[in-house]
């Protein structure tokens, strides 16, 4: 049975160009997860939702707090999380990682070159550390 894998990464610093780069980076990792996990993981790229709404419609009236709450609700439905790159001081990413810790949701941080090992580790955690 496939597992939902939430991708944690910084979204925005108030600059739409940087936000677009962040979203594209996470989407590229999601594509690699699809290719490498043979259907075991379904990557959840919540960044794409906010970015799509903002860039395609110009709609930005919801507060940042709305999006923090929204993304945590999605994370709660996932089986594991993958931290993409350096989350630095990203309030949302730090909150998502803290939620994983508090709720014993397996997570791992990955660099561009370590995705295969990260996926193997999460699969091992989800299958009971056999």
N, C-alpha and C. Protein backbone atom coordinates (compact mmCIF):
# COMPACT_ATOMS: atom_id res chain seq x y z
N UNK A 1 0.85 -1.19 0.00
CA UNK A 1 0.00 0.00 0.00
C UNK A 1 0.89 1.25 0.00
N UNK A 2 0.55 2.18 -0.83
CA UNK A 2 1.33 3.42 -0.94
C UNK A 2 1.21 4.27 0.31
N UNK A 3 2.27 5.03 0.58
CA UNK A 3 2.34 5.93 1.73
C UNK A 3 2.41 7.37 1.26
N UNK A 4 1.71 8.26 1.97
CA UNK A 4 1.76 9.69 1.66
C UNK A 4 3.01 10.29 2.28
N UNK A 5 3.81 10.95 1.46
CA UNK A 5 5.07 11.54 1.90
C UNK A 5 5.00 13.05 1.72
N UNK A 6 4.92 13.76 2.83
CA UNK A 6 4.81 15.22 2.85
C UNK A 6 6.20 15.82 2.64
N UNK A 7 6.32 16.75 1.72
CA UNK A 7 7.60 17.39 1.46
C UNK A 7 7.66 18.74 2.17
N UNK A 8 8.59 18.84 3.12
CA UNK A 8 8.81 20.06 3.91
C UNK A 8 9.93 20.86 3.26
N UNK A 9 9.66 22.14 3.02
CA UNK A 9 10.68 23.03 2.46
C UNK A 9 10.21 24.46 2.62
N UNK A 10 11.14 25.41 2.65
CA UNK A 10 10.73 26.82 2.69
C UNK A 10 9.88 27.14 1.47
N UNK A 11 8.90 28.00 1.67
CA UNK A 11 8.02 28.39 0.57
C UNK A 11 8.33 29.79 0.07
N UNK A 12 8.24 30.77 0.94
CA UNK A 12 8.31 32.14 0.48
C UNK A 12 9.14 33.01 1.42
N UNK A 13 9.79 33.97 0.81
CA UNK A 13 10.44 35.02 1.61
C UNK A 13 9.86 36.37 1.20
N UNK A 14 8.67 36.33 0.58
CA UNK A 14 8.03 37.55 0.13
C UNK A 14 8.37 37.92 -1.30
N UNK A 15 9.21 37.15 -1.93
CA UNK A 15 9.65 37.41 -3.29
C UNK A 15 9.11 36.30 -4.19
N UNK A 16 8.23 36.62 -5.12
CA UNK A 16 7.58 35.61 -5.94
C UNK A 16 8.58 34.82 -6.79
N UNK A 17 9.67 35.45 -7.22
CA UNK A 17 10.68 34.72 -8.00
C UNK A 17 11.34 33.64 -7.14
N UNK A 18 11.68 33.97 -5.89
CA UNK A 18 12.29 32.98 -5.01
C UNK A 18 11.28 31.90 -4.65
N UNK A 19 10.03 32.29 -4.44
CA UNK A 19 8.99 31.31 -4.15
C UNK A 19 8.86 30.33 -5.31
N UNK A 20 8.88 30.84 -6.54
CA UNK A 20 8.78 29.99 -7.72
C UNK A 20 9.95 29.01 -7.78
N UNK A 21 11.15 29.47 -7.48
CA UNK A 21 12.32 28.57 -7.45
C UNK A 21 12.15 27.50 -6.38
N UNK A 22 11.65 27.90 -5.20
CA UNK A 22 11.44 26.94 -4.12
C UNK A 22 10.43 25.87 -4.53
N UNK A 23 9.33 26.29 -5.14
CA UNK A 23 8.28 25.35 -5.56
C UNK A 23 8.83 24.41 -6.63
N UNK A 24 9.58 24.93 -7.58
CA UNK A 24 10.14 24.08 -8.64
C UNK A 24 11.11 23.06 -8.07
N UNK A 25 11.92 23.46 -7.09
CA UNK A 25 12.87 22.53 -6.47
C UNK A 25 12.12 21.38 -5.81
N UNK A 26 11.06 21.69 -5.08
CA UNK A 26 10.29 20.64 -4.40
C UNK A 26 9.59 19.75 -5.43
N UNK A 27 9.09 20.35 -6.50
CA UNK A 27 8.43 19.56 -7.55
C UNK A 27 9.42 18.61 -8.23
N UNK A 28 10.65 19.05 -8.42
CA UNK A 28 11.67 18.18 -9.01
C UNK A 28 11.96 16.99 -8.10
N UNK A 29 12.03 17.24 -6.80
CA UNK A 29 12.25 16.15 -5.85
C UNK A 29 11.06 15.20 -5.88
N UNK A 30 9.85 15.74 -5.97
CA UNK A 30 8.66 14.89 -6.04
C UNK A 30 8.73 13.97 -7.26
N UNK A 31 9.16 14.48 -8.38
CA UNK A 31 9.31 13.65 -9.57
C UNK A 31 10.31 12.53 -9.36
N UNK A 32 11.40 12.83 -8.70
CA UNK A 32 12.41 11.80 -8.41
C UNK A 32 11.85 10.75 -7.45
N UNK A 33 11.04 11.18 -6.49
CA UNK A 33 10.41 10.23 -5.56
C UNK A 33 9.50 9.28 -6.34
N UNK A 34 8.72 9.82 -7.25
CA UNK A 34 7.84 8.98 -8.06
C UNK A 34 8.67 7.96 -8.84
N UNK A 35 9.77 8.39 -9.43
CA UNK A 35 10.62 7.49 -10.21
C UNK A 35 11.32 6.45 -9.34
N UNK A 36 11.79 6.85 -8.16
CA UNK A 36 12.64 5.97 -7.36
C UNK A 36 11.89 5.07 -6.38
N UNK A 37 10.67 5.41 -6.01
CA UNK A 37 10.01 4.63 -4.95
C UNK A 37 9.08 3.54 -5.48
N UNK A 38 8.98 3.41 -6.79
CA UNK A 38 8.14 2.36 -7.39
C UNK A 38 6.73 2.33 -6.82
N UNK A 39 6.17 3.51 -6.60
CA UNK A 39 4.79 3.60 -6.12
C UNK A 39 4.62 3.49 -4.62
N UNK A 40 5.70 3.24 -3.88
CA UNK A 40 5.57 3.12 -2.42
C UNK A 40 5.19 4.46 -1.80
N UNK A 41 5.80 5.54 -2.28
CA UNK A 41 5.51 6.87 -1.75
C UNK A 41 4.73 7.70 -2.77
N UNK A 42 3.75 8.42 -2.28
CA UNK A 42 3.04 9.43 -3.05
C UNK A 42 3.47 10.78 -2.48
N UNK A 43 4.28 11.54 -3.21
CA UNK A 43 4.75 12.81 -2.67
C UNK A 43 3.63 13.85 -2.63
N UNK A 44 3.53 14.53 -1.50
CA UNK A 44 2.55 15.59 -1.31
C UNK A 44 3.30 16.92 -1.38
N UNK A 45 3.02 17.69 -2.43
CA UNK A 45 3.70 18.97 -2.66
C UNK A 45 2.70 20.08 -2.40
N UNK A 46 2.47 20.39 -1.13
CA UNK A 46 1.48 21.39 -0.74
C UNK A 46 1.89 22.78 -1.23
N UNK A 47 3.19 22.99 -1.42
CA UNK A 47 3.65 24.28 -1.94
C UNK A 47 2.99 24.62 -3.27
N UNK A 48 2.78 23.62 -4.07
CA UNK A 48 2.23 23.86 -5.41
C UNK A 48 0.84 24.47 -5.35
N UNK A 49 0.07 24.10 -4.34
CA UNK A 49 -1.30 24.63 -4.23
C UNK A 49 -1.29 26.15 -4.05
N UNK A 50 -0.58 26.61 -3.03
CA UNK A 50 -0.53 28.05 -2.76
C UNK A 50 0.09 28.82 -3.91
N UNK A 51 1.17 28.27 -4.47
CA UNK A 51 1.85 28.93 -5.59
C UNK A 51 0.92 29.04 -6.79
N UNK A 52 0.23 27.95 -7.12
CA UNK A 52 -0.68 27.95 -8.27
C UNK A 52 -1.78 28.99 -8.09
N UNK A 53 -2.38 29.01 -6.91
CA UNK A 53 -3.46 29.98 -6.66
C UNK A 53 -2.93 31.41 -6.78
N UNK A 54 -1.77 31.65 -6.17
CA UNK A 54 -1.22 33.00 -6.17
C UNK A 54 -0.78 33.45 -7.56
N UNK A 55 -0.07 32.60 -8.27
CA UNK A 55 0.48 33.03 -9.56
C UNK A 55 -0.53 33.00 -10.69
N UNK A 56 -1.50 32.12 -10.61
CA UNK A 56 -2.45 31.99 -11.72
C UNK A 56 -3.69 32.86 -11.55
N UNK A 57 -4.01 33.23 -10.32
CA UNK A 57 -5.22 34.03 -10.10
C UNK A 57 -4.93 35.37 -9.46
N UNK A 58 -3.74 35.51 -8.86
CA UNK A 58 -3.42 36.73 -8.15
C UNK A 58 -4.04 36.79 -6.76
N UNK A 59 -4.72 35.72 -6.36
CA UNK A 59 -5.41 35.68 -5.08
C UNK A 59 -4.40 35.53 -3.95
N UNK A 60 -4.34 36.51 -3.06
CA UNK A 60 -3.40 36.46 -1.94
C UNK A 60 -4.02 36.95 -0.65
N UNK A 61 -5.35 36.91 -0.54
CA UNK A 61 -5.99 37.55 0.61
C UNK A 61 -5.91 36.74 1.90
N UNK A 62 -5.59 35.45 1.83
CA UNK A 62 -5.50 34.67 3.06
C UNK A 62 -4.19 35.01 3.80
N UNK A 63 -4.27 35.01 5.10
CA UNK A 63 -3.10 35.34 5.91
C UNK A 63 -2.10 34.19 5.91
N UNK A 64 -0.88 34.52 6.26
CA UNK A 64 0.15 33.49 6.40
C UNK A 64 -0.28 32.45 7.44
N UNK A 65 -0.93 32.89 8.50
CA UNK A 65 -1.39 31.95 9.53
C UNK A 65 -2.38 30.95 8.97
N UNK A 66 -3.23 31.37 8.04
CA UNK A 66 -4.15 30.45 7.38
C UNK A 66 -3.35 29.32 6.71
N UNK A 67 -2.31 29.68 5.97
CA UNK A 67 -1.53 28.68 5.25
C UNK A 67 -0.77 27.77 6.20
N UNK A 68 -0.25 28.30 7.31
CA UNK A 68 0.41 27.45 8.29
C UNK A 68 -0.57 26.39 8.82
N UNK A 69 -1.76 26.82 9.16
CA UNK A 69 -2.78 25.89 9.67
C UNK A 69 -3.18 24.89 8.58
N UNK A 70 -3.38 25.38 7.37
CA UNK A 70 -3.78 24.55 6.24
C UNK A 70 -2.76 23.45 5.97
N UNK A 71 -1.48 23.82 5.92
CA UNK A 71 -0.45 22.83 5.60
C UNK A 71 -0.30 21.81 6.72
N UNK A 72 -0.46 22.23 7.97
CA UNK A 72 -0.40 21.26 9.07
C UNK A 72 -1.55 20.25 9.00
N UNK A 73 -2.70 20.69 8.56
CA UNK A 73 -3.83 19.76 8.40
C UNK A 73 -3.51 18.71 7.35
N UNK A 74 -2.84 19.11 6.28
CA UNK A 74 -2.44 18.14 5.26
C UNK A 74 -1.37 17.20 5.82
N UNK A 75 -0.38 17.75 6.51
CA UNK A 75 0.69 16.94 7.10
C UNK A 75 0.12 15.87 8.03
N UNK A 76 -0.90 16.20 8.79
CA UNK A 76 -1.50 15.25 9.74
C UNK A 76 -2.02 14.00 9.05
N UNK A 77 -2.30 14.07 7.77
CA UNK A 77 -2.84 12.94 7.02
C UNK A 77 -1.76 12.10 6.35
N UNK A 78 -0.51 12.54 6.48
CA UNK A 78 0.60 11.85 5.81
C UNK A 78 1.28 10.85 6.73
N UNK A 79 1.96 9.89 6.10
CA UNK A 79 2.63 8.82 6.84
C UNK A 79 4.04 9.18 7.24
N UNK A 80 4.68 10.06 6.49
CA UNK A 80 6.07 10.44 6.75
C UNK A 80 6.33 11.78 6.09
N UNK A 81 7.51 12.34 6.38
CA UNK A 81 7.87 13.64 5.80
C UNK A 81 9.33 13.62 5.35
N UNK A 82 9.60 14.40 4.34
CA UNK A 82 10.94 14.54 3.81
C UNK A 82 11.26 16.03 3.79
N UNK A 83 12.34 16.41 4.47
CA UNK A 83 12.77 17.81 4.47
C UNK A 83 13.69 17.99 3.27
N UNK A 84 13.31 18.90 2.38
CA UNK A 84 14.05 19.14 1.15
C UNK A 84 14.96 20.34 1.36
N UNK A 85 16.26 20.10 1.36
CA UNK A 85 17.23 21.18 1.49
C UNK A 85 17.29 21.74 2.90
N UNK A 86 17.71 22.97 2.99
CA UNK A 86 17.92 23.65 4.27
C UNK A 86 16.69 24.48 4.62
N UNK A 87 16.04 24.18 5.75
CA UNK A 87 14.85 24.94 6.11
C UNK A 87 15.18 26.23 6.83
N UNK A 88 16.44 26.39 7.25
CA UNK A 88 16.88 27.65 7.85
C UNK A 88 15.94 28.16 8.92
N UNK A 89 15.43 29.37 8.72
CA UNK A 89 14.53 30.01 9.69
C UNK A 89 13.09 30.02 9.21
N UNK A 90 12.75 29.15 8.29
CA UNK A 90 11.40 29.10 7.75
C UNK A 90 10.40 28.71 8.84
N UNK A 91 9.56 29.64 9.23
CA UNK A 91 8.60 29.40 10.32
C UNK A 91 7.71 28.19 10.03
N UNK A 92 7.20 28.12 8.81
CA UNK A 92 6.32 27.01 8.46
C UNK A 92 7.04 25.68 8.46
N UNK A 93 8.23 25.63 7.86
CA UNK A 93 9.00 24.38 7.81
C UNK A 93 9.41 23.93 9.21
N UNK A 94 9.83 24.86 10.04
CA UNK A 94 10.21 24.51 11.42
C UNK A 94 9.01 23.97 12.19
N UNK A 95 7.84 24.56 11.99
CA UNK A 95 6.62 24.08 12.66
C UNK A 95 6.25 22.68 12.17
N UNK A 96 6.41 22.44 10.88
CA UNK A 96 6.10 21.11 10.34
C UNK A 96 7.05 20.06 10.89
N UNK A 97 8.34 20.37 10.95
CA UNK A 97 9.29 19.43 11.53
C UNK A 97 8.98 19.19 13.00
N UNK A 98 8.66 20.25 13.75
CA UNK A 98 8.32 20.10 15.17
C UNK A 98 7.08 19.21 15.33
N UNK A 99 6.11 19.37 14.45
CA UNK A 99 4.91 18.54 14.53
C UNK A 99 5.26 17.06 14.32
N UNK A 100 6.15 16.79 13.38
CA UNK A 100 6.58 15.41 13.14
C UNK A 100 7.24 14.84 14.40
N UNK A 101 8.09 15.62 15.02
CA UNK A 101 8.78 15.16 16.24
C UNK A 101 7.77 14.89 17.35
N UNK A 102 6.87 15.84 17.58
CA UNK A 102 5.88 15.71 18.66
C UNK A 102 4.92 14.54 18.44
N UNK A 103 4.70 14.15 17.21
CA UNK A 103 3.71 13.12 16.90
C UNK A 103 4.32 11.83 16.36
N UNK A 104 5.62 11.67 16.54
CA UNK A 104 6.34 10.45 16.11
C UNK A 104 6.11 10.09 14.65
N UNK A 105 6.06 11.10 13.81
CA UNK A 105 5.96 10.87 12.37
C UNK A 105 7.38 10.80 11.82
N UNK A 106 7.73 9.70 11.16
CA UNK A 106 9.09 9.60 10.64
C UNK A 106 9.38 10.71 9.63
N UNK A 107 10.57 11.28 9.75
CA UNK A 107 11.01 12.31 8.80
C UNK A 107 12.51 12.22 8.66
N UNK A 108 12.99 12.75 7.57
CA UNK A 108 14.43 12.80 7.33
C UNK A 108 14.71 14.00 6.44
N UNK A 109 15.89 14.59 6.63
CA UNK A 109 16.32 15.68 5.76
C UNK A 109 17.18 15.09 4.66
N UNK A 110 17.01 15.62 3.45
CA UNK A 110 17.71 15.05 2.32
C UNK A 110 18.43 16.13 1.53
N UNK A 111 19.59 15.76 1.03
CA UNK A 111 20.30 16.62 0.08
C UNK A 111 19.98 16.06 -1.31
N UNK A 112 20.39 16.78 -2.32
CA UNK A 112 20.10 16.35 -3.69
C UNK A 112 20.65 14.96 -3.99
N UNK A 113 21.78 14.61 -3.41
CA UNK A 113 22.42 13.33 -3.74
C UNK A 113 21.98 12.17 -2.85
N UNK A 114 21.24 12.44 -1.79
CA UNK A 114 20.92 11.37 -0.85
C UNK A 114 19.48 10.91 -0.84
N UNK A 115 18.75 11.16 -1.91
CA UNK A 115 17.32 10.85 -1.92
C UNK A 115 17.05 9.36 -1.79
N UNK A 116 17.77 8.54 -2.52
CA UNK A 116 17.52 7.10 -2.48
C UNK A 116 17.68 6.55 -1.06
N UNK A 117 18.75 6.95 -0.37
CA UNK A 117 18.97 6.49 1.01
C UNK A 117 17.89 7.01 1.94
N UNK A 118 17.45 8.26 1.73
CA UNK A 118 16.39 8.84 2.57
C UNK A 118 15.10 8.06 2.41
N UNK A 119 14.75 7.71 1.19
CA UNK A 119 13.53 6.95 0.94
C UNK A 119 13.62 5.55 1.56
N UNK A 120 14.77 4.93 1.45
CA UNK A 120 14.96 3.60 2.06
C UNK A 120 14.81 3.69 3.58
N UNK A 121 15.38 4.73 4.18
CA UNK A 121 15.27 4.92 5.63
C UNK A 121 13.81 5.09 6.04
N UNK A 122 13.07 5.94 5.34
CA UNK A 122 11.66 6.16 5.71
C UNK A 122 10.84 4.89 5.52
N UNK A 123 11.10 4.15 4.49
CA UNK A 123 10.39 2.88 4.28
C UNK A 123 10.68 1.92 5.43
N UNK A 124 11.91 1.86 5.85
CA UNK A 124 12.31 1.02 6.98
C UNK A 124 11.59 1.44 8.26
N UNK A 125 11.50 2.76 8.50
CA UNK A 125 10.80 3.27 9.68
C UNK A 125 9.31 2.92 9.62
N UNK A 126 8.71 3.07 8.46
CA UNK A 126 7.28 2.82 8.32
C UNK A 126 6.93 1.34 8.40
N UNK A 127 7.85 0.49 8.04
CA UNK A 127 7.58 -0.94 8.06
C UNK A 127 8.00 -1.60 9.37
N UNK A 128 8.29 -0.78 10.36
CA UNK A 128 8.55 -1.32 11.70
C UNK A 128 9.99 -1.60 12.02
N UNK A 129 10.90 -0.98 11.32
CA UNK A 129 12.33 -1.10 11.62
C UNK A 129 12.76 -2.56 11.68
N UNK A 130 12.37 -3.34 10.70
CA UNK A 130 12.70 -4.77 10.68
C UNK A 130 14.16 -5.00 10.46
